[in-house]
Amino acid sequence: MRIPRAACWAVVSLLALAPLAHPQDSHYWTNQYGTRATLLGGAVIGSVLDLSGTYYNPGGLSLLEKPATLMAAQVFQYPRLSLAGNDHRAVPQNSTNLGPAPSLLAGTIRVRCLDKHWFGYSFLLRHSVKLGVSVSSVGIRDVLPERPGAEDYVTQFKLDEKIAESWFGLTWSYKIGRRTGVGLTQYVAARSHRASVQELVEALDESGRAALALGSRQYRYNHVRVLWKLGLACDYDDITLGLTLTTPSVALAGTGSSGANSTVAGLDMDGDGIPDDYLAANYQDHKRTTYKTPFSLAAGLTVKIDKVRVYGSAEWFARVPAYAVVDTMPFAAQSDGEILSTDVTQELSPVLNAGLGLEWFYSSRFKGYASYTTDFSARRPDTATNISLTDWDIHHLVTGAEFFIKRTALTIGLGYSLGRREIGNRPDVLERGGLGEVWDPFDHLKFRFANYKLIVGIAI
């Protein structure tokens, strides 16, 4: 269908512009689980350490002598998303959210007479996002080309978002040989996502006439799906290997809503001296919803050299073709009757992440950790879909140490993650034809992401 030329500044793109998501909407390696796995950056696909293997590699759990041992740990994080405009007088309201990081709860299910089989359960918070950022500014400049002189202006960009996604898993692992195990974890994933974004521009000319452009976009959806992770693990004493395969999701149920409002008043776009007021707004509820995740293939290797262990892992995620997350009905714009859509859409490119971790033993009572992992965005730079803008790449650095006091192990670590992006071109679904000479106050918004972690663990 054809999308009309709406008479407003950058607001015209908002009918399909979804909010900036926290770096989890198009990233796969943001969160790690278990104390040692977190210190090693999650690069443990080739070496199952504890019950976090239900997530990293279920095949290795049958090779552990005491798979029920999982260190009681708490990871505190301080994610910070900052937003800066291209006006040095802009006033930002940044988002910070001090609190616990997503965690894992796992345990063993004992079954008699099945010595080579291992059964377990796990519950993990895969995604947890709460953010709200905005940037506002006031000033004087020639905002309205068709009116003489400079105008007083007010601008505001604002977004809010919340994501919660939980996975419940049942794991089976089987020891097919002295050094080899296979396993499978089936997950049921429940996802809740709501978001809203708003762009506002107001101007007042020398004669006291005002012009206003408003664009807002909001959606929410709930979705339940299932997926499976198959793992193979081999332990050759000084070298351990791992291979995992994660299936695409299979939808079970979902519902959602979506809406948008694009309004302009008092702005002459065609130069005839008459304001071209415009209104296109629609909100729909109880719409069909789906959420897709990609096929992925991962491999890991651990090498033991004297008092040092080197961990390496990589995971490739396949492409997810464009699809509608919230599928809405087309609607007619109130101003001119043209047919528009408020579909919430998604498309993801293939991506490869890799990580390297080190564990070294200073003595029998003290050992250290360090790791570096990549977390590349899967969002296509040229996509017209609109559920995510997070196309920055994130880099994770973690270091820590483990102390042994009699039979108690204490662990402490620090982590830092960073990423940044300048939004020079936002997704245009409402055409911006004829707006080349109109000032866009949101043309160079800069988003910067940082996350600080404190890892504390104890095992008795």
Protein backbone atom coordinates (compact mmCIF):
# COMPACT_ATOMS: atom_id res chain seq x y z
CA MET A 1 0.00 0.00 0.00
CA ARG A 2 1.18 3.57 -0.52
CA ILE A 3 2.13 5.60 2.54
CA PRO A 4 1.26 9.32 2.36
CA ARG A 5 3.53 12.32 2.77
CA ALA A 6 2.57 13.56 6.19
CA ALA A 7 3.09 17.25 6.95
CA CYS A 8 5.47 17.23 9.86
CA TRP A 9 9.18 17.18 10.58
CA ALA A 10 10.85 13.93 11.54
CA VAL A 11 7.57 12.82 13.08
CA VAL A 12 6.42 11.40 9.78
CA SER A 13 8.48 8.29 10.32
CA LEU A 14 6.82 7.45 13.60
CA LEU A 15 3.85 5.47 12.36
CA ALA A 16 6.18 2.52 12.10
CA LEU A 17 9.05 3.63 14.30
CA ALA A 18 9.34 1.33 17.28
CA PRO A 19 11.29 2.36 20.38
CA LEU A 20 14.92 1.84 20.94
CA ALA A 21 15.25 -1.41 22.82
CA HIS A 22 17.69 -2.20 25.57
CA PRO A 23 20.55 -4.24 24.04
CA GLN A 24 18.71 -7.53 24.29
CA ASP A 25 16.10 -7.21 21.58
CA SER A 26 18.59 -7.92 18.79
CA HIS A 27 21.46 -9.31 20.90
CA TYR A 28 21.92 -12.92 22.04
CA TRP A 29 24.92 -12.92 24.39
CA THR A 30 23.95 -10.14 26.80
CA ASN A 31 23.21 -12.30 29.85
CA GLN A 32 25.22 -15.13 31.38
CA TYR A 33 24.27 -17.64 34.09
CA GLY A 34 26.20 -19.15 37.01
CA THR A 35 29.11 -17.58 38.84
CA ARG A 36 32.01 -19.22 36.99
CA ALA A 37 30.25 -19.06 33.64
CA THR A 38 29.66 -15.33 34.15
CA LEU A 39 33.33 -14.74 35.06
CA LEU A 40 34.29 -16.64 31.89
CA GLY A 41 31.92 -14.58 29.74
CA GLY A 42 29.74 -17.58 28.91
CA ALA A 43 32.56 -19.14 26.85
CA VAL A 44 31.88 -22.49 28.51
CA ILE A 45 30.09 -24.42 25.77
CA GLY A 46 33.05 -26.82 25.68
CA SER A 47 33.31 -27.27 29.44
CA VAL A 48 30.26 -27.81 31.63
CA LEU A 49 31.07 -26.47 35.12
CA ASP A 50 27.83 -26.88 37.06
CA LEU A 51 24.06 -26.84 36.56
CA SER A 52 24.37 -23.82 34.30
CA GLY A 53 25.10 -26.53 31.72
CA THR A 54 21.35 -27.00 31.37
CA TYR A 55 21.58 -23.78 29.36
CA TYR A 56 25.11 -23.85 27.90
CA ASN A 57 25.46 -27.54 26.97
CA PRO A 58 23.07 -30.18 28.32
CA GLY A 59 25.26 -32.95 26.91
CA GLY A 60 27.95 -32.39 29.53
CA LEU A 61 25.77 -32.85 32.61
CA SER A 62 25.99 -36.65 32.47
CA LEU A 63 29.80 -36.35 32.68
CA LEU A 64 29.81 -34.38 35.94
CA GLU A 65 30.46 -36.34 39.11
CA LYS A 66 28.31 -34.01 41.21
CA PRO A 67 25.99 -32.13 38.83
CA ALA A 68 23.81 -31.02 41.73
CA THR A 69 26.52 -28.60 42.89
CA LEU A 70 25.70 -25.03 41.84
CA MET A 71 27.30 -22.06 43.51
CA ALA A 72 24.84 -19.74 45.21
CA ALA A 73 25.52 -16.50 43.40
CA GLN A 74 24.20 -13.01 42.95
CA VAL A 75 25.06 -10.75 40.05
CA PHE A 76 24.25 -7.09 40.51
CA GLN A 77 24.19 -4.86 37.46
CA TYR A 78 24.00 -1.16 36.76
CA PRO A 79 22.91 -0.71 33.12
CA ARG A 80 22.99 2.87 31.87
CA LEU A 81 21.46 4.10 28.62
CA SER A 82 22.21 7.74 27.81
CA LEU A 83 20.62 9.85 25.10
CA ALA A 84 22.07 13.07 23.69
CA GLY A 85 20.65 15.39 21.03
CA ASN A 86 22.40 17.48 18.40
CA ASP A 87 21.60 20.68 20.33
CA HIS A 88 24.15 21.47 23.04
CA ARG A 89 21.34 23.04 25.07
CA ALA A 90 19.31 19.82 25.07
CA VAL A 91 18.41 18.43 28.49
CA PRO A 92 18.57 14.61 28.66
CA GLN A 93 16.83 12.29 31.11
CA ASN A 94 18.91 9.10 31.07
CA SER A 95 17.93 5.60 32.15
CA THR A 96 19.65 3.68 34.95
CA ASN A 97 18.41 0.56 36.67
CA LEU A 98 20.50 -0.74 39.57
CA GLY A 99 19.45 -4.25 40.58
CA PRO A 100 20.07 -7.98 40.19
CA ALA A 101 20.96 -9.35 36.77
CA PRO A 102 18.88 -12.13 35.17
CA SER A 103 19.60 -15.35 37.05
CA LEU A 104 19.29 -19.13 36.84
CA LEU A 105 17.64 -21.61 39.20
CA ALA A 106 18.41 -25.26 38.46
CA GLY A 107 18.23 -28.64 40.16
CA THR A 108 18.44 -32.41 39.73
CA ILE A 109 15.57 -34.87 39.30
CA ARG A 110 16.70 -38.26 40.62
CA VAL A 111 15.54 -41.40 38.80
CA ARG A 112 16.64 -44.77 40.17
CA CYS A 113 18.05 -47.53 37.94
CA LEU A 114 19.13 -45.05 35.25
CA ASP A 115 22.78 -44.56 36.16
CA LYS A 116 23.84 -43.24 32.76
CA HIS A 117 20.92 -40.85 32.53
CA TRP A 118 20.68 -37.46 34.19
CA PHE A 119 17.49 -35.43 34.57
CA GLY A 120 17.12 -31.86 35.72
CA TYR A 121 15.10 -28.69 35.60
CA SER A 122 15.94 -25.03 35.22
CA PHE A 123 14.30 -21.63 35.34
CA LEU A 124 16.06 -18.58 33.97
CA LEU A 125 15.18 -14.98 33.31
CA ARG A 126 16.37 -14.67 29.73
CA HIS A 127 15.55 -10.97 29.25
CA SER A 128 14.71 -8.24 31.75
CA VAL A 129 14.51 -4.63 30.58
CA LYS A 130 13.15 -1.49 32.24
CA LEU A 131 14.10 1.82 30.68
CA GLY A 132 12.89 5.32 30.07
CA VAL A 133 14.92 8.06 28.38
CA SER A 134 14.13 11.44 26.88
CA VAL A 135 15.83 14.56 25.57
CA SER A 136 14.21 18.02 25.42
CA SER A 137 15.35 21.41 24.19
CA VAL A 138 14.15 24.98 23.64
CA GLY A 139 15.70 27.66 21.44
CA ILE A 140 15.35 30.11 18.59
CA ARG A 141 16.06 29.34 14.93
CA ASP A 142 14.42 29.36 11.49
CA VAL A 143 12.26 26.29 11.94
CA LEU A 144 9.46 27.19 9.48
CA PRO A 145 10.88 28.00 6.02
CA GLU A 146 7.60 29.48 4.76
CA ARG A 147 7.49 32.10 7.55
CA PRO A 148 9.87 35.09 7.86
CA GLY A 149 12.40 35.33 10.66
CA ALA A 150 13.33 32.92 13.37
CA GLU A 151 10.88 31.04 15.59
CA ASP A 152 10.87 29.97 19.20
CA TYR A 153 10.83 26.17 19.29
CA VAL A 154 10.41 23.29 21.72
CA THR A 155 11.42 19.69 20.97
CA GLN A 156 11.15 16.45 22.90
CA PHE A 157 12.06 12.84 22.16
CA LYS A 158 10.87 10.26 24.70
CA LEU A 159 10.80 6.49 24.90
CA ASP A 160 9.81 3.91 27.49
CA GLU A 161 10.17 0.15 27.33
CA LYS A 162 9.79 -2.97 29.45
CA ILE A 163 10.67 -6.54 28.47
CA ALA A 164 10.39 -9.66 30.60
CA GLU A 165 11.11 -13.11 29.18
CA SER A 166 11.35 -16.27 31.29
CA TRP A 167 12.43 -19.75 30.22
CA PHE A 168 11.43 -22.95 32.04
CA GLY A 169 13.40 -26.01 30.98
CA LEU A 170 13.50 -29.78 31.49
CA THR A 171 16.84 -31.44 30.71
CA TRP A 172 17.84 -34.98 29.89
CA SER A 173 21.49 -36.03 29.53
CA TYR A 174 22.94 -39.45 28.69
CA LYS A 175 26.48 -40.77 29.02
CA ILE A 176 27.07 -42.69 25.79
CA GLY A 177 30.70 -43.44 26.65
CA ARG A 178 33.32 -42.86 29.31
CA ARG A 179 34.22 -39.50 27.79
CA THR A 180 31.10 -38.52 25.83
CA GLY A 181 27.64 -37.31 26.74
CA VAL A 182 24.60 -36.06 24.85
CA GLY A 183 21.67 -34.09 26.17
CA LEU A 184 18.55 -32.16 25.36
CA THR A 185 16.79 -29.28 27.10
CA GLN A 186 13.25 -28.33 26.18
CA TYR A 187 12.30 -24.76 27.06
CA VAL A 188 8.94 -23.09 27.36
CA ALA A 189 9.50 -19.36 26.92
CA ALA A 190 7.03 -16.66 28.02
CA ARG A 191 7.68 -13.14 26.71
CA SER A 192 6.03 -9.84 27.64
CA HIS A 193 7.01 -6.64 25.81
CA ARG A 194 5.56 -3.15 25.86
CA ALA A 195 7.03 0.06 24.45
CA SER A 196 6.16 3.62 23.50
CA VAL A 197 7.99 6.42 21.72
CA GLN A 198 7.09 10.05 21.12
CA GLU A 199 8.53 12.92 19.10
CA LEU A 200 7.18 16.44 19.59
CA VAL A 201 8.09 19.71 17.85
CA GLU A 202 6.41 23.06 18.60
CA ALA A 203 7.21 26.45 17.06
CA LEU A 204 5.97 30.03 17.56
CA ASP A 205 6.69 32.68 14.91
CA GLU A 206 7.10 36.45 15.26
CA SER A 207 3.38 37.10 14.66
CA GLY A 208 2.33 34.75 17.46
CA ARG A 209 1.17 31.90 15.20
CA ALA A 210 2.02 28.40 16.43
CA ALA A 211 2.79 25.18 14.61
CA LEU A 212 2.90 21.72 16.13
CA ALA A 213 4.01 18.28 14.98
CA LEU A 214 3.41 15.21 17.15
CA GLY A 215 4.23 11.60 16.46
CA SER A 216 3.68 8.75 18.89
CA ARG A 217 3.96 4.99 18.62
CA GLN A 218 3.08 2.32 21.15
CA TYR A 219 2.65 -1.44 21.28
CA ARG A 220 2.54 -4.34 23.67
CA TYR A 221 2.32 -8.10 23.27
CA ASN A 222 2.51 -11.35 25.23
CA HIS A 223 3.74 -14.54 23.61
CA VAL A 224 4.47 -18.16 24.63
CA ARG A 225 6.64 -20.49 22.58
CA VAL A 226 8.78 -23.65 22.87
CA LEU A 227 12.31 -24.39 21.70
CA TRP A 228 14.93 -27.10 22.15
CA LYS A 229 18.70 -27.13 22.76
CA LEU A 230 20.66 -30.28 21.85
CA GLY A 231 24.18 -30.72 23.22
CA LEU A 232 27.19 -32.98 22.73
CA ALA A 233 30.16 -32.94 25.15
CA CYS A 234 33.51 -34.77 25.12
CA ASP A 235 36.04 -34.83 27.97
CA TYR A 236 39.62 -35.87 27.10
CA ASP A 237 41.18 -34.75 30.39
CA ASP A 238 43.42 -31.93 29.11
CA ILE A 239 40.97 -30.96 26.35
CA THR A 240 37.18 -30.78 26.50
CA LEU A 241 34.89 -30.14 23.55
CA GLY A 242 31.28 -29.11 23.18
CA LEU A 243 28.74 -28.64 20.41
CA THR A 244 25.16 -27.35 20.73
CA LEU A 245 22.25 -26.78 18.39
CA THR A 246 19.30 -24.57 19.28
CA THR A 247 16.10 -24.87 17.27
CA PRO A 248 13.91 -21.99 16.10
CA SER A 249 10.92 -21.26 18.32
CA VAL A 250 7.53 -22.86 17.81
CA ALA A 251 4.65 -20.54 18.72
CA LEU A 252 2.01 -21.66 21.21
CA ALA A 253 -0.07 -18.56 21.87
CA GLY A 254 0.12 -14.77 21.73
CA THR A 255 -1.88 -11.57 21.71
CA GLY A 256 -1.01 -7.90 21.45
CA SER A 257 -1.99 -4.34 20.62
CA SER A 258 -0.52 -1.55 18.52
CA GLY A 259 -1.28 2.10 17.87
CA ALA A 260 0.09 5.30 16.41
CA ASN A 261 -0.71 8.99 16.14
CA SER A 262 0.79 11.38 13.58
CA THR A 263 -0.56 14.92 13.89
CA VAL A 264 0.50 18.30 12.51
CA ALA A 265 -1.15 21.69 12.85
CA GLY A 266 -0.27 25.13 11.54
CA LEU A 267 2.49 24.03 9.13
CA ASP A 268 2.42 25.00 5.43
CA MET A 269 4.20 22.26 3.50
CA ASP A 270 3.35 23.18 -0.10
CA GLY A 271 3.99 26.93 0.09
CA ASP A 272 0.45 28.05 -0.75
CA GLY A 273 0.11 30.05 2.46
CA ILE A 274 -2.50 27.67 3.91
CA PRO A 275 -1.60 25.38 6.85
CA ASP A 276 -1.60 21.71 5.84
CA ASP A 277 -3.10 20.21 8.98
CA TYR A 278 -2.86 16.45 9.15
CA LEU A 279 -4.16 13.63 11.38
CA ALA A 280 -3.62 9.90 11.13
CA ALA A 281 -4.26 7.86 14.29
CA ASN A 282 -5.35 4.32 15.08
CA TYR A 283 -5.20 1.90 18.02
CA GLN A 284 -6.01 -1.83 17.88
CA ASP A 285 -6.16 -4.49 20.60
CA HIS A 286 -6.40 -8.31 20.79
CA LYS A 287 -4.42 -8.82 17.59
CA ARG A 288 -2.62 -11.98 16.47
CA THR A 289 0.97 -12.06 17.74
CA THR A 290 4.04 -14.18 17.12
CA TYR A 291 7.70 -13.94 18.09
CA LYS A 292 10.45 -15.84 16.28
CA THR A 293 13.98 -16.75 17.32
CA PRO A 294 16.68 -18.18 15.04
CA PHE A 295 18.35 -21.52 14.60
CA SER A 296 21.82 -21.42 16.15
CA LEU A 297 24.90 -23.62 16.17
CA ALA A 298 27.63 -23.29 18.82
CA ALA A 299 31.00 -24.90 19.53
CA GLY A 300 33.38 -24.67 22.44
CA LEU A 301 36.85 -25.83 23.45
CA THR A 302 38.69 -25.87 26.78
CA VAL A 303 42.44 -26.51 26.99
CA LYS A 304 44.22 -27.24 30.28
CA ILE A 305 47.87 -26.12 30.35
CA ASP A 306 49.56 -26.63 33.74
CA LYS A 307 47.79 -24.19 36.07
CA VAL A 308 45.89 -22.37 33.31
CA ARG A 309 42.65 -23.25 31.56
CA VAL A 310 41.74 -21.52 28.32
CA TYR A 311 38.06 -21.43 27.38
CA GLY A 312 36.85 -20.54 23.90
CA SER A 313 33.34 -20.57 22.44
CA ALA A 314 31.54 -19.29 19.35
CA GLU A 315 27.90 -19.33 18.31
CA TRP A 316 26.34 -18.61 14.92
CA PHE A 317 22.73 -17.44 14.71
CA ALA A 318 20.78 -17.78 11.48
CA ARG A 319 18.74 -15.10 9.73
CA VAL A 320 15.14 -14.44 10.71
CA PRO A 321 13.19 -13.21 7.64
CA ALA A 322 10.88 -10.23 7.99
CA TYR A 323 7.56 -10.98 9.69
CA ALA A 324 4.82 -9.26 11.68
CA VAL A 325 5.14 -9.55 15.46
CA VAL A 326 1.79 -7.81 16.00
CA ASP A 327 -0.39 -8.17 12.91
CA THR A 328 -2.91 -5.31 12.71
CA MET A 329 -5.65 -4.39 10.25
CA PRO A 330 -4.99 -1.51 7.80
CA PHE A 331 -6.76 1.75 8.60
CA ALA A 332 -7.69 4.95 6.77
CA ALA A 333 -6.01 8.22 7.78
CA GLN A 334 -8.54 10.71 9.13
CA SER A 335 -7.17 13.56 7.01
CA ASP A 336 -7.20 12.09 3.52
CA GLY A 337 -8.45 8.49 3.78
CA GLU A 338 -5.23 6.88 2.65
CA ILE A 339 -4.62 3.33 3.87
CA LEU A 340 -1.94 2.87 6.54
CA SER A 341 -0.66 0.07 8.76
CA THR A 342 0.54 -0.07 12.37
CA ASP A 343 2.06 -3.56 12.15
CA VAL A 344 4.95 -4.24 14.53
CA THR A 345 7.59 -6.00 12.43
CA GLN A 346 10.93 -7.74 12.91
CA GLU A 347 13.85 -8.93 10.78
CA LEU A 348 17.23 -10.23 11.95
CA SER A 349 20.49 -10.87 10.11
CA PRO A 350 22.81 -13.81 10.74
CA VAL A 351 25.43 -13.05 13.36
CA LEU A 352 28.47 -14.77 14.87
CA ASN A 353 29.52 -14.17 18.48
CA ALA A 354 32.71 -15.44 20.10
CA GLY A 355 34.33 -15.38 23.50
CA LEU A 356 37.59 -16.20 25.25
CA GLY A 357 38.00 -16.94 28.96
CA LEU A 358 41.00 -17.64 31.19
CA GLU A 359 41.14 -19.44 34.54
CA TRP A 360 44.45 -19.66 36.33
CA PHE A 361 45.41 -21.23 39.67
CA TYR A 362 47.70 -19.11 41.83
CA SER A 363 47.57 -21.68 44.61
CA SER A 364 45.31 -24.36 46.01
CA ARG A 365 43.26 -21.64 47.72
CA PHE A 366 43.16 -18.90 45.12
CA LYS A 367 42.46 -18.67 41.39
CA GLY A 368 41.67 -15.85 38.98
CA TYR A 369 39.40 -15.32 35.97
CA ALA A 370 39.26 -13.00 32.97
CA SER A 371 37.15 -12.99 29.82
CA TYR A 372 36.19 -11.06 26.71
CA THR A 373 33.12 -11.75 24.57
CA THR A 374 31.40 -10.08 21.65
CA ASP A 375 27.67 -9.43 21.46
CA PHE A 376 26.94 -8.24 17.94
CA SER A 377 23.55 -6.88 16.97
CA ALA A 378 21.46 -8.99 14.60
CA ARG A 379 19.41 -6.05 13.36
CA ARG A 380 19.88 -5.40 9.65
CA PRO A 381 21.14 -1.83 9.06
CA ASP A 382 18.94 -1.40 5.97
CA THR A 383 15.81 -3.09 7.28
CA ALA A 384 12.41 -1.41 7.08
CA THR A 385 11.13 -3.34 10.09
CA ASN A 386 10.55 -1.47 13.29
CA ILE A 387 10.65 -3.46 16.54
CA SER A 388 14.29 -2.69 17.32
CA LEU A 389 16.84 0.07 16.74
CA THR A 390 19.69 -1.53 18.67
CA ASP A 391 22.18 -2.12 15.88
CA TRP A 392 25.19 -1.27 18.02
CA ASP A 393 27.74 -3.97 18.85
CA ILE A 394 28.43 -4.68 22.52
CA HIS A 395 31.72 -5.83 24.03
CA HIS A 396 31.83 -7.55 27.44
CA LEU A 397 34.85 -7.60 29.77
CA VAL A 398 34.87 -9.52 33.08
CA THR A 399 37.52 -10.29 35.68
CA GLY A 400 37.37 -11.90 39.12
CA ALA A 401 38.83 -14.29 41.65
CA GLU A 402 37.82 -17.31 43.74
CA PHE A 403 39.03 -17.89 47.30
CA PHE A 404 38.86 -21.16 49.25
CA ILE A 405 38.49 -21.04 53.02
CA LYS A 406 38.35 -24.56 54.40
CA ARG A 407 35.36 -26.08 52.57
CA THR A 408 33.87 -22.78 51.47
CA ALA A 409 34.53 -21.09 48.13
CA LEU A 410 34.02 -17.33 47.83
CA THR A 411 33.92 -15.62 44.46
CA ILE A 412 33.94 -11.95 43.52
CA GLY A 413 34.16 -10.33 40.11
CA LEU A 414 33.61 -7.14 38.13
CA GLY A 415 32.22 -6.74 34.62
CA TYR A 416 31.90 -3.91 32.11
CA SER A 417 29.95 -3.79 28.84
CA LEU A 418 29.78 -0.96 26.32
CA GLY A 419 28.13 -0.03 23.03
CA ARG A 420 27.04 3.13 21.18
CA ARG A 421 25.08 4.28 18.16
CA GLU A 422 24.11 7.50 16.41
CA ILE A 423 20.64 7.36 14.89
CA GLY A 424 21.18 9.34 11.72
CA ASN A 425 18.47 7.56 9.72
CA ARG A 426 15.44 6.24 11.53
CA PRO A 427 13.17 3.68 9.81
CA ASP A 428 11.04 5.59 7.30
CA VAL A 429 7.71 3.97 6.61
CA LEU A 430 5.86 7.23 6.20
CA GLU A 431 7.60 8.89 3.28
CA ARG A 432 9.55 12.04 3.96
CA GLY A 433 9.32 13.41 0.43
CA GLY A 434 9.28 17.19 0.29
CA LEU A 435 10.87 17.55 3.71
CA GLY A 436 14.46 18.03 2.59
CA GLU A 437 14.50 21.72 3.56
CA VAL A 438 12.71 21.21 6.87
CA TRP A 439 14.77 21.04 10.05
CA ASP A 440 14.85 17.64 11.74
CA PRO A 441 15.76 18.13 15.42
CA PHE A 442 16.09 14.37 15.98
CA ASP A 443 18.40 13.66 13.05
CA HIS A 444 21.52 12.92 15.10
CA LEU A 445 20.38 11.46 18.40
CA LYS A 446 23.20 9.61 20.08
CA PHE A 447 22.60 6.57 22.27
CA ARG A 448 25.32 5.19 24.51
CA PHE A 449 25.01 1.97 26.50
CA ALA A 450 27.14 0.80 29.41
CA ASN A 451 26.60 -1.92 31.98
CA TYR A 452 28.56 -2.48 35.19
CA LYS A 453 28.38 -5.82 37.03
CA LEU A 454 29.33 -7.04 40.47
CA ILE A 455 29.50 -10.84 40.79
CA VAL A 456 29.38 -12.41 44.26
CA GLY A 457 29.16 -16.13 44.94
CA ILE A 458 29.52 -18.68 47.70
CA ALA A 459 29.69 -22.49 47.66
CA ILE A 460 29.77 -24.68 50.74
